[in-house]
Amino acid sequence: MEIGGSSESQNETKKGKSKTPRKPKESLLKQKSPAEFFAENKNIAGFDNPGKSLYTTVRELVENSLDSAEAISELPVVEITIEEIGKSKFNSMIGLVDRERVDAQLYDDYETAKAREKRLAKEARAQEAQAKNAAHGKKVKDQSTMKGMKGRGEASFYRVTCKDNGKGMPHDDIPNMFGRVLSGTKYGLKQTRGKFGLGAKMALIWSKMSTGLPIEISSSMKAQSYISFCRLDIDIHRNIPHIHLHEKRNNDDWWHGAEIQVVIEGNWTTYRSKILHYMRQMAVITPYAQFLFRFISDAPDKNVTIKFARRTDVMPPVPLETKHHPSSVDLLLIKRLIAETSKQNLLQFLQHEFVNIGKSLAERLIGEMGPEFSPKMVVKSLTDQQIVRINQLFRQAKFDDPTGDCLSPAGEYNLRLGIIKELHPDMVATYSGSAQVFEGHPFIVEAGVSVGGKDVKQGLNIFRFANRIPLLFEQGADVVTRTALKRINWGSYKINQTQDKIGVFVSVVSTKIPFKGTGKEYIGDDINEIATAVKSAIQQCCIQLKSKIIKKMLAREQQERKRNLSRYIPDATNAVYDVLKHMSQSHASKKKRYSGEEAEILSNITANLITKETIKEKLAEHVEKVDYEMALEYATQSGVTEEPREDVFIQTLDPENKFIEFQSPIFVFRLVC
């Protein structure tokens, strides 16, 4: 009994202990702000490494500047400067004092005596090999390009500055436009240059991660008497701007636009060619813009200054925001449109929130949805099941394709000018296709093909553009590259794919570019509509070039034939003159008498009125005449009536001039009033 009692008392004690309140476990659920997400996954936005981060920063700033100027129909003037910042200067900027190394072995670039001896021996062998190559006339690699001893912690820093003449930014909006990720003015269904809507925000995040320095923005709008100056960085965890200084300054020059300055870690050496290639391609697709690019270094021989001059003042129209096509929406988008619409009933909602749905079609759709739907029903009272029914019908019903009126392609005129300005080809052809559709989104493909030119390699040189921005990475998987390499029979157009210098330019504009991969650097080859349109556009250019190449080949044959005939003129002259001289002697001695025109010619020979030079000139004239008649016969057969043309450059009209403008794909005619 006692034992049993003691066990019961022990159980009561355990029960009493179990009633003691325990501390609740901390929740494992955590949240990240958009800024924090992109900071941790910066490669998504093109900030994979310091070199590409420098390239992406330049690209984002330039594209923002172009958008800003085009928004007010101002011919863009963009100045981009990259200034190299040495270690000492950077330390002084952040208030850090330079220190000498105390423990040399602690550093990654420490070199033992044995390793140093081995490196010097290797360099000596390399110099000896270079000396032998130079003696044999072979190409010698510059020693300055060889990799040096550089530790992981020895970073390079650059101040990137971009200035434009765009519309500027409202004073109060500047902090949120730069310091709050996923906030901006470009969201909506329209053709935009941006890929993620991050713009300069990602450059600011990279600056905060690599240097800790804030970004500086100066901006002024048209007819604004002050310049807004803002120095800020971003609170990554809260996704809000951290403002250091925000003030208004005098605008004595009535300047308008924006100037953005950011200091980041980068690598100019490895990405120099990419950045310059980007600027050159941007000059091709926007010949109406003027770019001034500068790279400034402590070593004067490394400085670079390139000006890409404006070639035309004809700008593409501003892209228009459009409504969604019924076949391109999903459940989430339909719910968002319902929540945001100002329309009351279902009939009005279908008519005004989607393209290509008129009143009669909207009524037919509502009738097809079922008896629980009616034109007058309140749109915001739709249940989830009813919204699913609408989405199902949108996927199954047939709608007219959207038009391309909302798109803004570069245009054949601008594309042709850009190619001529930057490449100086021997011949060029351009083509702009009509608007087509994939998944309810309109798109337009423009293409240009050039042969010959300056700084163009032999073979295919492919230039890709999406919404009028160059695509430089992941070229091999792109639809343009695969089409040009595998689906075009260049030989049938009299073009040698390996020997000729061929430039292939393809620009795709759309309200939705179907990029592939996280970096959004190429358009996939799996969308049949785009692949077909790209192939057709390139082929149309090749057909134009084929006729030009054939004309050039015939002209070359004509010159060769003329050269061959002219080569025999001296011998023919001597032979003819000798025969005529012999005949004149026979005529004079009365051995054989000639009459009429023959006698007159022989008399002129005897009197030296006809000499070898006279016969030579007549033969040369005859060769010219025969050559011209053959060329005229060919021109008549082929329908060519035009004379050879030369490029004519007309000065830009003053803003005060009033004119009426007529545009065609290959020229612009202005009638001055």
Foldseek 3Di string as FASTA:
>chain_A
DVVVVVVVVVVVVVVVVVPPDDDDDDDPDDDFAPLLVCLVVVVLQQPPDQASLVLSLVQLLVQVQVLQAVVVLHLKEKEKEKEWDDPCRLCVVVVHDDDDDDDLVVFPLRADPVRVVVVVVVVVVLVVVQVVCVVVVHDHDDPVPDDDRDGPPRFIKIKMKMWMQGFWDDQVCVQCLQAAAPDDDPDAQWWGPDDRSGRCNSVLSQLCVARVAWKWKWFDGQPGQWIWIWTWGYDRRVRGIGTPDTDIHGDPVRGGTMMIIGMHTHDCVVCVVVNVVQVLLLCLLRLSHKYWYWYHYPDVVPIDIDISHRADSDFWHDFDGDAFALLQDDLVVVLVLLVPDPDFWQQVSVPPRHPQQHNVNSQVLQVVLDPVGDRGHGSNPDDSVSSVSSSVCSNVDDGDADACPRWTGSFLASNVSSCCSRWVAPDKFKDKDGWDDDSRKIKIKIKMKGWHGPPFDFAEDEWEAESSGTQDPPPVQALLNCCVVPVDPLVVLVDDRGGIRMYMYMYMIISDQQADDSNSRHGGNPGVVVSVNSNVRVVVGSNVVSVVVVVVVVVVVLVVVLVVQLVCLLVVLVVVLVVLQVVLVCCVVVVDHDDDPSPVVSVCSVVVVDDSVNSSVVSNVVSVVVSVVVVVVVCVVVVNDDDDDDDDRDDDDDPVWDWDWDDDRHDIDTGTD
